[in-house]
């Protein structure tokens, strides 16, 4: 970090909180943010985060152990708040002495934040509105990630630049706030640091790192893509409160629209209840993402990607990506 003194100074609160050299988190990408990429990012001075997603406690247990075997640097675990075994997953994090737990996908259920803090871990939360952000920080959240609609995967309706203008002046002085969504270069990182962010989170930029286990077909689709190719999914029935998902347009995105219509029809015929209907939608995404990332089916699988995908041109080691981002950030700050 001595090579980047201005950036280091502005990231100091973030790096002290995370325990790493650069306050750059890797967004949790299901099937991608696993032991190999997570350890590589942490070893390179960033902060890797395991995407637990739909893992069982046993699978998470193995994943954490395998990550620890590959790095002695800090890393986090991202847990989905609606996971039916959330508290069992928290117990696995406790067993391994995980230092940071990211709670994503909704309001943390009662007792979950307390269960994490009980064994000394830090809690990182997401919030789509300022009011909810303040509530979560009052309720035990140690840091906040604000993520704009430019991000890949499940997204909210507001852009990163607007969220940053709304949240940072209100929160950054007294709280740790990381900015995410559409960040592909260090100049953007510099801008958010100057606005008061303590660091940033990037996912798409790391998806095609050399250490990423994503299938070569998946990576090639990223290299070919432009920003406009990463489209948000459409909700076809108001009864199915489907969180939009940003992914590269292909047959899979069209199939998702058809899947929603099928599930809506099941609701009409009272063949499923609302809970089961929503679960079917979530299971669709989990399966579709695996088809693309692991099997390389880039036509029918889900190519979740943020709009920064247009800046992903080639496979690079995670360490080179972080070094490039930090150099761009430092150069931008030096020009101020």
Protein backbone atom coordinates (compact mmCIF):
# COMPACT_ATOMS: atom_id res chain seq x y z
CA UNK A 1 0.00 0.00 0.00
CA UNK A 2 3.02 2.31 0.33
CA UNK A 3 2.83 2.67 -3.46
CA UNK A 4 -0.60 4.26 -3.10
CA UNK A 5 -0.31 6.75 -0.18
CA UNK A 6 -3.30 8.94 -1.07
CA UNK A 7 -5.58 5.95 -1.64
CA UNK A 8 -4.32 4.24 1.51
CA UNK A 9 -5.08 7.29 3.61
CA UNK A 10 -8.62 7.56 2.27
CA UNK A 11 -9.21 3.81 2.68
CA UNK A 12 -7.73 3.65 6.18
CA UNK A 13 -11.02 3.23 8.04
CA UNK A 14 -12.04 0.49 5.61
CA UNK A 15 -8.77 -1.40 5.74
CA UNK A 16 -8.63 -1.24 9.55
CA UNK A 17 -12.18 -2.61 9.70
CA UNK A 18 -11.52 -5.42 7.22
CA UNK A 19 -7.98 -6.17 8.37
CA UNK A 20 -6.55 -6.12 4.84
CA UNK A 21 -4.33 -3.85 2.75
CA UNK A 22 -6.87 -2.42 0.30
CA UNK A 23 -10.52 -1.68 1.07
CA UNK A 24 -11.74 -3.54 -2.01
CA UNK A 25 -14.27 -6.27 -1.28
CA UNK A 26 -15.18 -8.88 -3.82
CA UNK A 27 -18.93 -9.10 -4.22
CA UNK A 28 -20.34 -12.52 -3.37
CA UNK A 29 -21.12 -14.27 -6.68
CA UNK A 30 -22.73 -17.70 -6.35
CA UNK A 31 -20.57 -20.50 -7.81
CA UNK A 32 -17.80 -17.96 -8.56
CA UNK A 33 -16.86 -16.55 -5.13
CA UNK A 34 -15.51 -19.81 -3.77
CA UNK A 35 -12.26 -20.98 -2.19
CA UNK A 36 -9.97 -20.28 -5.17
CA UNK A 37 -11.07 -16.74 -6.05
CA UNK A 38 -11.72 -15.70 -2.44
CA UNK A 39 -8.27 -16.76 -1.25
CA UNK A 40 -6.59 -15.18 -4.30
CA UNK A 41 -8.24 -11.81 -3.64
CA UNK A 42 -7.37 -11.89 0.05
CA UNK A 43 -3.79 -12.95 -0.69
CA UNK A 44 -3.55 -10.00 -3.09
CA UNK A 45 -4.48 -7.53 -0.34
CA UNK A 46 -8.18 -7.26 -1.08
CA UNK A 47 -11.04 -8.82 0.90
CA UNK A 48 -12.53 -12.00 -0.52
CA UNK A 49 -16.06 -13.03 0.41
CA UNK A 50 -17.43 -16.58 0.13
CA UNK A 51 -20.88 -16.67 -1.50
CA UNK A 52 -22.80 -19.14 0.64
CA UNK A 53 -25.95 -18.83 -1.48
CA UNK A 54 -27.97 -22.02 -1.21
CA UNK A 55 -25.17 -24.07 0.39
CA UNK A 56 -26.00 -26.45 3.23
CA UNK A 57 -24.13 -25.99 6.52
CA UNK A 58 -21.89 -28.97 5.67
CA UNK A 59 -20.94 -27.47 2.31
CA UNK A 60 -20.18 -24.09 3.89
CA UNK A 61 -18.11 -25.86 6.56
CA UNK A 62 -15.95 -27.43 3.84
CA UNK A 63 -15.72 -24.21 1.81
CA UNK A 64 -14.47 -22.15 4.76
CA UNK A 65 -11.94 -24.84 5.72
CA UNK A 66 -10.64 -25.04 2.13
CA UNK A 67 -10.37 -21.25 1.92
CA UNK A 68 -8.42 -21.11 5.19
CA UNK A 69 -6.06 -23.74 3.77
CA UNK A 70 -5.29 -21.36 0.89
CA UNK A 71 -4.90 -18.05 2.75
CA UNK A 72 -4.01 -16.79 6.21
CA UNK A 73 -5.49 -13.38 5.36
CA UNK A 74 -8.94 -12.20 6.46
CA UNK A 75 -12.00 -13.05 4.37
CA UNK A 76 -15.75 -12.92 4.89
CA UNK A 77 -18.83 -15.06 4.33
CA UNK A 78 -21.98 -13.79 2.63
CA UNK A 79 -25.19 -15.33 4.00
CA UNK A 80 -28.65 -14.94 2.44
CA UNK A 81 -31.09 -13.80 5.13
CA UNK A 82 -33.94 -15.92 3.74
CA UNK A 83 -31.91 -19.16 3.91
CA UNK A 84 -33.99 -21.69 5.91
CA UNK A 85 -30.87 -22.80 7.83
CA UNK A 86 -29.46 -19.32 8.47
CA UNK A 87 -28.72 -19.91 12.14
CA UNK A 88 -26.98 -23.22 11.38
CA UNK A 89 -24.82 -21.39 8.84
CA UNK A 90 -23.99 -18.74 11.45
CA UNK A 91 -22.92 -21.57 13.78
CA UNK A 92 -20.54 -22.83 11.06
CA UNK A 93 -19.03 -19.33 10.80
CA UNK A 94 -18.60 -19.33 14.59
CA UNK A 95 -16.88 -22.73 14.51
CA UNK A 96 -14.28 -21.40 12.07
CA UNK A 97 -13.85 -18.01 13.73
CA UNK A 98 -14.99 -16.11 10.63
CA UNK A 99 -14.23 -12.44 11.26
CA UNK A 100 -16.81 -10.78 8.97
CA UNK A 101 -20.30 -11.93 7.97
CA UNK A 102 -22.23 -10.17 5.21
CA UNK A 103 -26.03 -10.43 5.48
CA UNK A 104 -27.70 -9.98 2.10
CA UNK A 105 -31.07 -10.50 0.46
CA UNK A 106 -33.39 -8.81 2.94
CA UNK A 107 -33.85 -7.61 6.50
CA UNK A 108 -31.89 -9.86 8.89
CA UNK A 109 -34.29 -12.05 10.92
CA UNK A 110 -34.60 -11.49 14.64
CA UNK A 111 -31.58 -12.70 16.58
CA UNK A 112 -29.30 -13.22 13.56
CA UNK A 113 -27.16 -10.11 14.05
CA UNK A 114 -26.84 -10.88 17.75
CA UNK A 115 -25.84 -14.48 17.00
CA UNK A 116 -23.01 -13.26 14.76
CA UNK A 117 -21.77 -10.56 17.13
CA UNK A 118 -21.87 -13.03 20.03
CA UNK A 119 -18.74 -14.76 18.71
CA UNK A 120 -16.98 -11.48 17.90
CA UNK A 121 -17.52 -11.24 14.14
CA UNK A 122 -18.33 -7.97 12.38
CA UNK A 123 -21.67 -7.66 10.56
CA UNK A 124 -21.90 -6.04 7.12
CA UNK A 125 -25.39 -5.20 5.89
CA UNK A 126 -27.07 -3.99 2.67
CA UNK A 127 -29.83 -1.38 2.56
CA UNK A 128 -31.76 0.03 -0.42
CA UNK A 129 -33.11 3.07 1.47
CA UNK A 130 -31.55 5.57 3.87
CA UNK A 131 -34.18 4.92 6.55
CA UNK A 132 -33.49 1.17 6.51
CA UNK A 133 -29.74 1.78 6.50
CA UNK A 134 -30.02 3.85 9.67
CA UNK A 135 -32.19 1.20 11.31
CA UNK A 136 -29.79 -1.66 10.45
CA UNK A 137 -26.78 0.32 11.70
CA UNK A 138 -28.62 1.10 14.94
CA UNK A 139 -29.52 -2.59 15.25
CA UNK A 140 -25.94 -3.80 15.25
CA UNK A 141 -24.67 -3.52 11.68
CA UNK A 142 -20.98 -2.59 11.81
CA UNK A 143 -20.72 -1.50 8.17
CA UNK A 144 -23.01 -0.87 5.23
CA UNK A 145 -22.80 -1.66 1.52
CA UNK A 146 -24.86 0.51 -0.81
CA UNK A 147 -25.27 -1.20 -4.17
CA UNK A 148 -26.71 0.48 -7.23
CA UNK A 149 -28.74 -1.02 -10.04
CA UNK A 150 -25.68 -1.21 -12.34
CA UNK A 151 -24.55 -4.26 -10.35
CA UNK A 152 -24.91 -7.85 -11.52
CA UNK A 153 -27.26 -10.39 -9.98
CA UNK A 154 -30.16 -9.27 -7.76
CA UNK A 155 -30.50 -5.48 -7.91
CA UNK A 156 -32.53 -2.57 -6.60
CA UNK A 157 -34.07 0.25 -8.66
CA UNK A 158 -31.66 3.15 -7.95
CA UNK A 159 -28.28 3.90 -9.56
CA UNK A 160 -25.00 3.84 -7.63
CA UNK A 161 -24.27 7.53 -8.19
CA UNK A 162 -27.65 8.56 -6.75
CA UNK A 163 -27.37 6.23 -3.75
CA UNK A 164 -23.90 7.59 -3.02
CA UNK A 165 -25.15 11.19 -3.09
CA UNK A 166 -28.05 10.30 -0.81
CA UNK A 167 -26.32 8.03 1.72
CA UNK A 168 -22.73 9.23 2.07
CA UNK A 169 -23.36 12.82 3.27
CA UNK A 170 -25.75 11.43 5.91
CA UNK A 171 -23.78 8.39 7.09
CA UNK A 172 -20.12 8.45 6.10
CA UNK A 173 -18.87 10.61 8.96
CA UNK A 174 -20.10 8.26 11.69
CA UNK A 175 -20.35 4.94 9.86
CA UNK A 176 -18.39 2.69 7.51
CA UNK A 177 -19.99 2.73 4.08
CA UNK A 178 -18.77 0.74 1.06
CA UNK A 179 -20.05 1.60 -2.42
CA UNK A 180 -20.88 -1.07 -5.04
CA UNK A 181 -22.48 -1.37 -8.46
CA UNK A 182 -20.97 -0.65 -11.85
CA UNK A 183 -17.43 0.03 -10.60
CA UNK A 184 -14.85 -1.10 -13.14
CA UNK A 185 -11.98 1.39 -12.84
CA UNK A 186 -9.98 3.10 -10.13
CA UNK A 187 -11.11 6.61 -11.10
CA UNK A 188 -14.61 5.71 -9.90
CA UNK A 189 -13.17 4.36 -6.64
CA UNK A 190 -11.37 7.69 -6.11
CA UNK A 191 -14.60 9.60 -6.60
CA UNK A 192 -16.52 7.56 -4.03
CA UNK A 193 -13.65 7.79 -1.52
CA UNK A 194 -13.73 11.57 -1.88
CA UNK A 195 -17.46 11.50 -1.19
CA UNK A 196 -16.80 9.71 2.11
CA UNK A 197 -16.88 5.99 1.30
CA UNK A 198 -14.35 3.91 3.23
CA UNK A 199 -13.99 1.41 0.38
CA UNK A 200 -15.76 -0.29 -2.50
CA UNK A 201 -17.13 -3.65 -3.58
CA UNK A 202 -16.67 -5.13 -7.06
CA UNK A 203 -18.00 -8.38 -8.46
CA UNK A 204 -18.08 -8.37 -12.26
CA UNK A 205 -14.48 -7.14 -12.51
CA UNK A 206 -13.29 -10.26 -10.64
CA UNK A 207 -15.60 -12.82 -12.28
CA UNK A 208 -13.08 -13.55 -15.03
CA UNK A 209 -9.93 -13.46 -12.91
CA UNK A 210 -7.42 -16.18 -13.69
CA UNK A 211 -8.27 -17.81 -10.34
CA UNK A 212 -12.02 -17.82 -11.03
CA UNK A 213 -13.33 -21.34 -11.67
CA UNK A 214 -15.97 -20.00 -14.07
CA UNK A 215 -16.13 -22.00 -17.31
CA UNK A 216 -14.13 -20.62 -20.28
CA UNK A 217 -17.42 -20.14 -22.18
CA UNK A 218 -18.72 -17.98 -19.32
CA UNK A 219 -15.58 -15.82 -19.39
CA UNK A 220 -15.67 -15.48 -23.19
CA UNK A 221 -19.26 -14.21 -22.97
CA UNK A 222 -18.03 -11.48 -20.59
CA UNK A 223 -15.16 -10.52 -22.89
CA UNK A 224 -17.56 -10.11 -25.83
CA UNK A 225 -20.20 -8.18 -23.91
CA UNK A 226 -20.86 -4.45 -23.84
CA UNK A 227 -22.45 -2.56 -20.95
CA UNK A 228 -25.86 -2.52 -22.66
CA UNK A 229 -25.86 -6.33 -22.94
CA UNK A 230 -26.27 -6.66 -19.15
CA UNK A 231 -30.04 -6.25 -18.83
CA UNK A 232 -32.37 -6.37 -15.84
CA UNK A 233 -35.03 -9.10 -15.83
CA UNK A 234 -38.69 -8.15 -16.17
CA UNK A 235 -41.38 -8.91 -13.58
CA UNK A 236 -44.43 -10.29 -15.42
CA UNK A 237 -46.89 -10.72 -12.55
CA UNK A 238 -47.33 -8.26 -9.65
CA UNK A 239 -48.18 -11.17 -7.31
CA UNK A 240 -44.66 -12.52 -7.73
CA UNK A 241 -42.42 -9.89 -6.08
CA UNK A 242 -39.41 -11.02 -8.05
CA UNK A 243 -36.26 -9.01 -7.34
CA UNK A 244 -34.86 -8.00 -10.73
CA UNK A 245 -31.68 -9.77 -11.80
CA UNK A 246 -29.10 -8.19 -14.10
CA UNK A 247 -27.52 -10.66 -16.53
CA UNK A 248 -26.31 -10.85 -20.11
CA UNK A 249 -29.25 -11.30 -22.47
CA UNK A 250 -29.59 -14.84 -23.84
CA UNK A 251 -32.15 -17.66 -24.12
CA UNK A 252 -31.96 -18.06 -20.35
CA UNK A 253 -33.37 -14.57 -19.71
CA UNK A 254 -36.25 -15.34 -22.07
CA UNK A 255 -36.83 -18.65 -20.29
CA UNK A 256 -37.05 -16.82 -16.98
CA UNK A 257 -39.93 -14.74 -18.32
CA UNK A 258 -41.63 -17.99 -19.36
CA UNK A 259 -40.90 -19.51 -15.93
CA UNK A 260 -42.63 -16.60 -14.21
CA UNK A 261 -45.70 -17.05 -16.43
CA UNK A 262 -45.74 -20.77 -15.62
CA UNK A 263 -45.55 -20.13 -11.87
CA UNK A 264 -48.22 -17.41 -12.13
CA UNK A 265 -50.47 -19.96 -13.84
CA UNK A 266 -49.87 -22.40 -10.99
CA UNK A 267 -50.95 -19.67 -8.58
CA UNK A 268 -54.11 -19.01 -10.63
CA UNK A 269 -55.02 -22.69 -10.41
CA UNK A 270 -54.13 -22.71 -6.69
CA UNK A 271 -51.65 -25.52 -7.31
CA UNK A 272 -49.01 -23.74 -5.19
CA UNK A 273 -49.11 -21.11 -2.43
CA UNK A 274 -47.18 -17.84 -2.60
CA UNK A 275 -44.24 -19.11 -0.56
CA UNK A 276 -43.76 -22.12 -2.81
CA UNK A 277 -44.13 -19.93 -5.91
CA UNK A 278 -41.34 -17.61 -4.78
CA UNK A 279 -39.16 -20.59 -3.86
CA UNK A 280 -39.58 -21.99 -7.38
CA UNK A 281 -38.34 -18.69 -8.80
CA UNK A 282 -35.27 -18.70 -6.54
CA UNK A 283 -34.48 -22.32 -7.40
CA UNK A 284 -34.68 -21.42 -11.08
CA UNK A 285 -31.93 -18.81 -10.65
CA UNK A 286 -29.69 -21.11 -8.63
CA UNK A 287 -29.87 -23.81 -11.30
CA UNK A 288 -29.54 -21.41 -14.22
CA UNK A 289 -26.46 -19.77 -12.74
CA UNK A 290 -24.76 -23.12 -12.20
CA UNK A 291 -25.44 -24.12 -15.81
CA UNK A 292 -23.57 -21.06 -17.04
CA UNK A 293 -20.73 -20.78 -14.52
CA UNK A 294 -19.88 -24.46 -14.03
CA UNK A 295 -21.23 -26.25 -17.11
CA UNK A 296 -20.49 -23.46 -19.60
CA UNK A 297 -24.02 -23.40 -21.06
CA UNK A 298 -24.04 -19.72 -21.96
CA UNK A 299 -27.23 -19.98 -24.02
CA UNK A 300 -29.59 -21.44 -21.43
CA UNK A 301 -27.76 -20.59 -18.20
CA UNK A 302 -27.78 -17.29 -16.33
CA UNK A 303 -24.86 -14.98 -17.13
CA UNK A 304 -25.23 -12.64 -14.16
CA UNK A 305 -23.13 -9.55 -14.86
CA UNK A 306 -23.04 -5.89 -13.93
CA UNK A 307 -22.91 -3.09 -16.49
CA UNK A 308 -19.15 -2.79 -15.88
CA UNK A 309 -18.85 -6.02 -17.92
CA UNK A 310 -17.86 -3.87 -20.92
CA UNK A 311 -14.58 -3.14 -19.08
CA UNK A 312 -13.73 -6.82 -18.65
CA UNK A 313 -11.57 -7.64 -21.67
CA UNK A 314 -9.31 -10.53 -20.65
CA UNK A 315 -8.36 -13.03 -17.98
CA UNK A 316 -6.04 -11.48 -15.40
CA UNK A 317 -4.74 -12.60 -11.99
CA UNK A 318 -6.69 -11.10 -9.09
CA UNK A 319 -3.51 -9.40 -7.85
CA UNK A 320 -3.10 -7.60 -11.19
CA UNK A 321 -6.72 -6.42 -11.14
CA UNK A 322 -6.33 -4.98 -7.64
CA UNK A 323 -2.99 -3.35 -8.48
CA UNK A 324 -4.46 -1.76 -11.62
CA UNK A 325 -7.52 -0.45 -9.74
CA UNK A 326 -5.32 1.01 -7.00
CA UNK A 327 -2.95 2.65 -9.49
CA UNK A 328 -5.86 4.22 -11.36
CA UNK A 329 -7.32 5.42 -8.06
CA UNK A 330 -3.98 6.87 -6.92
CA UNK A 331 -3.39 8.63 -10.24
CA UNK A 332 -6.89 10.15 -10.11
CA UNK A 333 -6.39 11.42 -6.56
CA UNK A 334 -2.98 12.85 -7.48
CA UNK A 335 -4.59 14.94 -10.25
CA UNK A 336 -7.01 16.58 -7.83
